[in-house]
């Protein structure tokens, strides 16, 4: 039950960071949480007495700025499924999120999101750094919805090596 609570909180946070997110679906989602103190200590701050949230992805650890996405990426450097790191201010936690695939749909009507909607490929590549860091962009499109609303749609998938692809093909043919 605790995991679903974390996933729900994470979903709420996603919508507060980018209010125009229509949907963000993840296949094989995994979320790991860390205390602010743990994050600061692992970044080399020995006695992090004062820790403040500076934004949805930044902590101030005794005057040193820590990007939680970079923390998660460094901590899980070998995990190709890493999506992003986010600060949960109420819980004073950092969440590292992982998944095999992610589908993001963002509404283009608000001024701050229009930058992503000029060119779907460029927009999805920029959004990849916010939502699906280690995944590969495999499909992108601009879609006209009802009442002339435009959405950008991005599909990201885990990168596979040639050996992994051969193994998957072999396993599926058995």
C-alpha atoms as a PDB file:
ATOM      1  CA  UNK A   1       0.000   0.000   0.000  1.00  0.00           C
ATOM      2  CA  UNK A   2       2.890   2.366   0.795  1.00  0.00           C
ATOM      3  CA  UNK A   3       4.249   2.042  -2.774  1.00  0.00           C
ATOM      4  CA  UNK A   4       0.907   3.122  -4.278  1.00  0.00           C
ATOM      5  CA  UNK A   5       0.915   6.134  -1.953  1.00  0.00           C
ATOM      6  CA  UNK A   6       4.366   7.091  -3.200  1.00  0.00           C
ATOM      7  CA  UNK A   7       3.313   6.623  -6.826  1.00  0.00           C
ATOM      8  CA  UNK A   8       0.200   8.779  -6.208  1.00  0.00           C
ATOM      9  CA  UNK A   9       2.260  11.529  -4.567  1.00  0.00           C
ATOM     10  CA  UNK A  10       4.747  11.313  -7.434  1.00  0.00           C
ATOM     11  CA  UNK A  11       1.914  11.689  -9.963  1.00  0.00           C
ATOM     12  CA  UNK A  12       0.598  14.753  -8.121  1.00  0.00           C
ATOM     13  CA  UNK A  13       4.084  16.237  -8.141  1.00  0.00           C
ATOM     14  CA  UNK A  14       4.408  15.673 -11.870  1.00  0.00           C
ATOM     15  CA  UNK A  15       1.173  17.575 -12.455  1.00  0.00           C
ATOM     16  CA  UNK A  16       2.291  20.435 -10.210  1.00  0.00           C
ATOM     17  CA  UNK A  17       5.644  20.759 -12.009  1.00  0.00           C
ATOM     18  CA  UNK A  18       4.033  20.876 -15.445  1.00  0.00           C
ATOM     19  CA  UNK A  19       0.347  21.700 -15.053  1.00  0.00           C
ATOM     20  CA  UNK A  20      -0.363  20.880 -18.693  1.00  0.00           C
ATOM     21  CA  UNK A  21       0.597  17.214 -18.510  1.00  0.00           C
ATOM     22  CA  UNK A  22      -2.334  15.290 -19.957  1.00  0.00           C
ATOM     23  CA  UNK A  23      -0.849  11.890 -19.102  1.00  0.00           C
ATOM     24  CA  UNK A  24       2.431  10.274 -18.090  1.00  0.00           C
ATOM     25  CA  UNK A  25       2.261   6.475 -18.220  1.00  0.00           C
ATOM     26  CA  UNK A  26       5.165   4.259 -17.205  1.00  0.00           C
ATOM     27  CA  UNK A  27       5.635   0.545 -17.848  1.00  0.00           C
ATOM     28  CA  UNK A  28       7.272  -1.455 -15.026  1.00  0.00           C
ATOM     29  CA  UNK A  29       7.510   1.578 -12.765  1.00  0.00           C
ATOM     30  CA  UNK A  30       9.776   1.454  -9.733  1.00  0.00           C
ATOM     31  CA  UNK A  31      10.233   4.267  -7.211  1.00  0.00           C
ATOM     32  CA  UNK A  32      13.003   4.475  -4.605  1.00  0.00           C
ATOM     33  CA  UNK A  33      12.970   7.114  -1.887  1.00  0.00           C
ATOM     34  CA  UNK A  34      15.773   8.761   0.075  1.00  0.00           C
ATOM     35  CA  UNK A  35      15.798  11.261   2.927  1.00  0.00           C
ATOM     36  CA  UNK A  36      17.161  14.746   2.317  1.00  0.00           C
ATOM     37  CA  UNK A  37      19.986  13.958   4.758  1.00  0.00           C
ATOM     38  CA  UNK A  38      21.012  10.821   2.857  1.00  0.00           C
ATOM     39  CA  UNK A  39      21.083  12.722  -0.441  1.00  0.00           C
ATOM     40  CA  UNK A  40      23.220  15.529   1.005  1.00  0.00           C
ATOM     41  CA  UNK A  41      25.630  13.131   2.722  1.00  0.00           C
ATOM     42  CA  UNK A  42      26.091  11.094  -0.463  1.00  0.00           C
ATOM     43  CA  UNK A  43      26.959  14.328  -2.258  1.00  0.00           C
ATOM     44  CA  UNK A  44      29.834  14.910   0.179  1.00  0.00           C
ATOM     45  CA  UNK A  45      28.243  17.251   2.731  1.00  0.00           C
ATOM     46  CA  UNK A  46      29.371  15.670   6.003  1.00  0.00           C
ATOM     47  CA  UNK A  47      27.010  17.350   8.497  1.00  0.00           C
ATOM     48  CA  UNK A  48      23.937  18.583   6.603  1.00  0.00           C
ATOM     49  CA  UNK A  49      22.159  20.351   9.461  1.00  0.00           C
ATOM     50  CA  UNK A  50      20.270  22.831   7.270  1.00  0.00           C
ATOM     51  CA  UNK A  51      18.633  21.421   4.146  1.00  0.00           C
ATOM     52  CA  UNK A  52      16.130  23.401   2.096  1.00  0.00           C
ATOM     53  CA  UNK A  53      14.130  22.644  -1.023  1.00  0.00           C
ATOM     54  CA  UNK A  54      14.998  25.049  -3.844  1.00  0.00           C
ATOM     55  CA  UNK A  55      12.582  23.625  -6.401  1.00  0.00           C
ATOM     56  CA  UNK A  56      11.093  20.384  -7.708  1.00  0.00           C
ATOM     57  CA  UNK A  57      14.555  18.989  -8.523  1.00  0.00           C
ATOM     58  CA  UNK A  58      16.952  21.016  -6.327  1.00  0.00           C
ATOM     59  CA  UNK A  59      18.051  20.885  -2.690  1.00  0.00           C
ATOM     60  CA  UNK A  60      20.240  23.370  -0.824  1.00  0.00           C
ATOM     61  CA  UNK A  61      22.510  21.330   1.460  1.00  0.00           C
ATOM     62  CA  UNK A  62      24.311  23.787   3.750  1.00  0.00           C
ATOM     63  CA  UNK A  63      24.793  26.230   0.864  1.00  0.00           C
ATOM     64  CA  UNK A  64      25.647  23.598  -1.763  1.00  0.00           C
ATOM     65  CA  UNK A  65      23.091  23.127  -4.530  1.00  0.00           C
ATOM     66  CA  UNK A  66      22.245  19.479  -5.241  1.00  0.00           C
ATOM     67  CA  UNK A  67      20.313  18.411  -8.338  1.00  0.00           C
ATOM     68  CA  UNK A  68      18.363  15.315  -7.261  1.00  0.00           C
ATOM     69  CA  UNK A  69      18.182  14.010 -10.827  1.00  0.00           C
ATOM     70  CA  UNK A  70      21.975  13.999 -10.944  1.00  0.00           C
ATOM     71  CA  UNK A  71      22.041  12.318  -7.509  1.00  0.00           C
ATOM     72  CA  UNK A  72      19.769   9.510  -8.736  1.00  0.00           C
ATOM     73  CA  UNK A  73      21.635   9.173 -12.016  1.00  0.00           C
ATOM     74  CA  UNK A  74      24.983   8.901 -10.217  1.00  0.00           C
ATOM     75  CA  UNK A  75      23.651   6.465  -7.610  1.00  0.00           C
ATOM     76  CA  UNK A  76      22.102   4.215 -10.259  1.00  0.00           C
ATOM     77  CA  UNK A  77      24.596   4.801 -13.084  1.00  0.00           C
ATOM     78  CA  UNK A  78      24.206   1.273 -14.471  1.00  0.00           C
ATOM     79  CA  UNK A  79      20.394   1.289 -14.512  1.00  0.00           C
ATOM     80  CA  UNK A  80      19.168   1.997 -18.052  1.00  0.00           C
ATOM     81  CA  UNK A  81      15.637   2.395 -16.699  1.00  0.00           C
ATOM     82  CA  UNK A  82      16.302   5.632 -14.759  1.00  0.00           C
ATOM     83  CA  UNK A  83      13.686   8.261 -15.586  1.00  0.00           C
ATOM     84  CA  UNK A  84      14.094  11.142 -13.136  1.00  0.00           C
ATOM     85  CA  UNK A  85      14.612  12.384  -9.614  1.00  0.00           C
ATOM     86  CA  UNK A  86      12.120  14.624  -7.811  1.00  0.00           C
ATOM     87  CA  UNK A  87      11.938  16.401  -4.444  1.00  0.00           C
ATOM     88  CA  UNK A  88       8.867  15.728  -2.269  1.00  0.00           C
ATOM     89  CA  UNK A  89       8.824  18.739   0.046  1.00  0.00           C
ATOM     90  CA  UNK A  90       6.071  17.647   2.477  1.00  0.00           C
ATOM     91  CA  UNK A  91       7.697  14.276   3.119  1.00  0.00           C
ATOM     92  CA  UNK A  92      11.244  15.705   2.975  1.00  0.00           C
ATOM     93  CA  UNK A  93      12.161  12.888   0.595  1.00  0.00           C
ATOM     94  CA  UNK A  94      13.796  12.508  -2.782  1.00  0.00           C
ATOM     95  CA  UNK A  95      12.267  10.023  -5.211  1.00  0.00           C
ATOM     96  CA  UNK A  96      14.190   8.268  -7.960  1.00  0.00           C
ATOM     97  CA  UNK A  97      11.843   6.855 -10.594  1.00  0.00           C
ATOM     98  CA  UNK A  98      12.548   4.037 -13.068  1.00  0.00           C
ATOM     99  CA  UNK A  99      10.640   2.368 -15.903  1.00  0.00           C
ATOM    100  CA  UNK A 100      11.039   0.381 -19.125  1.00  0.00           C
ATOM    101  CA  UNK A 101       8.834   2.660 -21.212  1.00  0.00           C
ATOM    102  CA  UNK A 102       7.202   6.039 -20.725  1.00  0.00           C
ATOM    103  CA  UNK A 103       4.485   7.780 -22.703  1.00  0.00           C
ATOM    104  CA  UNK A 104       4.112  11.503 -22.105  1.00  0.00           C
ATOM    105  CA  UNK A 105       1.319  13.670 -23.461  1.00  0.00           C
ATOM    106  CA  UNK A 106       1.564  17.413 -22.828  1.00  0.00           C
ATOM    107  CA  UNK A 107      -0.999  20.091 -23.687  1.00  0.00           C
ATOM    108  CA  UNK A 108       0.442  22.833 -25.914  1.00  0.00           C
ATOM    109  CA  UNK A 109      -2.093  25.570 -25.092  1.00  0.00           C
ATOM    110  CA  UNK A 110      -0.242  27.251 -22.227  1.00  0.00           C
ATOM    111  CA  UNK A 111       2.502  29.727 -23.048  1.00  0.00           C
ATOM    112  CA  UNK A 112       5.250  27.941 -21.071  1.00  0.00           C
ATOM    113  CA  UNK A 113       4.606  24.642 -22.905  1.00  0.00           C
ATOM    114  CA  UNK A 114       4.541  26.131 -26.416  1.00  0.00           C
ATOM    115  CA  UNK A 115       8.344  25.922 -26.603  1.00  0.00           C
ATOM    116  CA  UNK A 116       8.031  22.116 -26.625  1.00  0.00           C
ATOM    117  CA  UNK A 117       5.380  22.171 -29.347  1.00  0.00           C
ATOM    118  CA  UNK A 118       7.171  23.995 -32.168  1.00  0.00           C
ATOM    119  CA  UNK A 119       8.872  20.797 -33.350  1.00  0.00           C
ATOM    120  CA  UNK A 120       7.728  17.476 -31.854  1.00  0.00           C
ATOM    121  CA  UNK A 121      11.157  15.820 -32.099  1.00  0.00           C
ATOM    122  CA  UNK A 122      13.015  18.709 -30.461  1.00  0.00           C
ATOM    123  CA  UNK A 123      10.258  19.142 -27.869  1.00  0.00           C
ATOM    124  CA  UNK A 124      10.276  15.459 -26.914  1.00  0.00           C
ATOM    125  CA  UNK A 125      14.079  15.469 -26.672  1.00  0.00           C
ATOM    126  CA  UNK A 126      13.895  18.440 -24.272  1.00  0.00           C
ATOM    127  CA  UNK A 127      11.127  16.769 -22.248  1.00  0.00           C
ATOM    128  CA  UNK A 128      13.208  13.574 -22.113  1.00  0.00           C
ATOM    129  CA  UNK A 129      15.617  15.352 -19.757  1.00  0.00           C
ATOM    130  CA  UNK A 130      12.715  16.087 -17.396  1.00  0.00           C
ATOM    131  CA  UNK A 131      10.733  12.847 -17.628  1.00  0.00           C
ATOM    132  CA  UNK A 132      12.709   9.957 -19.157  1.00  0.00           C
ATOM    133  CA  UNK A 133      16.409  10.682 -18.798  1.00  0.00           C
ATOM    134  CA  UNK A 134      17.979   7.312 -19.681  1.00  0.00           C
ATOM    135  CA  UNK A 135      15.307   6.164 -22.102  1.00  0.00           C
ATOM    136  CA  UNK A 136      15.455   6.618 -25.851  1.00  0.00           C
ATOM    137  CA  UNK A 137      12.928   8.677 -27.803  1.00  0.00           C
ATOM    138  CA  UNK A 138      11.284   6.272 -30.270  1.00  0.00           C
ATOM    139  CA  UNK A 139       8.172   8.187 -31.368  1.00  0.00           C
ATOM    140  CA  UNK A 140       7.006  11.804 -31.292  1.00  0.00           C
ATOM    141  CA  UNK A 141       4.007  13.630 -32.701  1.00  0.00           C
ATOM    142  CA  UNK A 142       1.848  16.720 -32.480  1.00  0.00           C
ATOM    143  CA  UNK A 143      -1.807  15.717 -32.237  1.00  0.00           C
ATOM    144  CA  UNK A 144      -4.864  17.906 -32.766  1.00  0.00           C
ATOM    145  CA  UNK A 145      -7.469  17.081 -30.139  1.00  0.00           C
ATOM    146  CA  UNK A 146     -11.085  18.198 -29.745  1.00  0.00           C
ATOM    147  CA  UNK A 147     -11.745  21.971 -30.005  1.00  0.00           C
ATOM    148  CA  UNK A 148      -8.425  22.600 -31.810  1.00  0.00           C
ATOM    149  CA  UNK A 149      -6.354  21.816 -28.740  1.00  0.00           C
ATOM    150  CA  UNK A 150      -2.896  20.601 -29.639  1.00  0.00           C
ATOM    151  CA  UNK A 151      -0.902  18.037 -27.654  1.00  0.00           C
ATOM    152  CA  UNK A 152       2.643  16.814 -28.004  1.00  0.00           C
ATOM    153  CA  UNK A 153       2.998  13.067 -27.571  1.00  0.00           C
ATOM    154  CA  UNK A 154       6.333  11.418 -26.740  1.00  0.00           C
ATOM    155  CA  UNK A 155       7.096   7.708 -26.463  1.00  0.00           C
ATOM    156  CA  UNK A 156      10.342   6.682 -24.755  1.00  0.00           C
ATOM    157  CA  UNK A 157      11.765   3.182 -24.443  1.00  0.00           C
ATOM    158  CA  UNK A 158      14.706   1.606 -22.658  1.00  0.00           C
ATOM    159  CA  UNK A 159      17.839   1.506 -24.799  1.00  0.00           C
ATOM    160  CA  UNK A 160      18.898  -2.020 -25.693  1.00  0.00           C
ATOM    161  CA  UNK A 161      22.297  -3.175 -26.874  1.00  0.00           C
ATOM    162  CA  UNK A 162      22.594  -5.382 -29.968  1.00  0.00           C
ATOM    163  CA  UNK A 163      23.253  -8.400 -27.705  1.00  0.00           C
ATOM    164  CA  UNK A 164      20.098  -7.678 -25.677  1.00  0.00           C
ATOM    165  CA  UNK A 165      18.012  -7.390 -28.858  1.00  0.00           C
ATOM    166  CA  UNK A 166      19.398 -10.700 -30.178  1.00  0.00           C
ATOM    167  CA  UNK A 167      18.622 -12.371 -26.828  1.00  0.00           C
ATOM    168  CA  UNK A 168      15.048 -11.012 -26.810  1.00  0.00           C
ATOM    169  CA  UNK A 169      14.489 -12.190 -30.381  1.00  0.00           C
ATOM    170  CA  UNK A 170      15.886 -15.613 -29.523  1.00  0.00           C
ATOM    171  CA  UNK A 171      13.717 -15.881 -26.389  1.00  0.00           C
ATOM    172  CA  UNK A 172      10.568 -14.914 -28.303  1.00  0.00           C
ATOM    173  CA  UNK A 173      11.208 -17.504 -31.012  1.00  0.00           C
ATOM    174  CA  UNK A 174      11.651 -20.362 -28.501  1.00  0.00           C
END
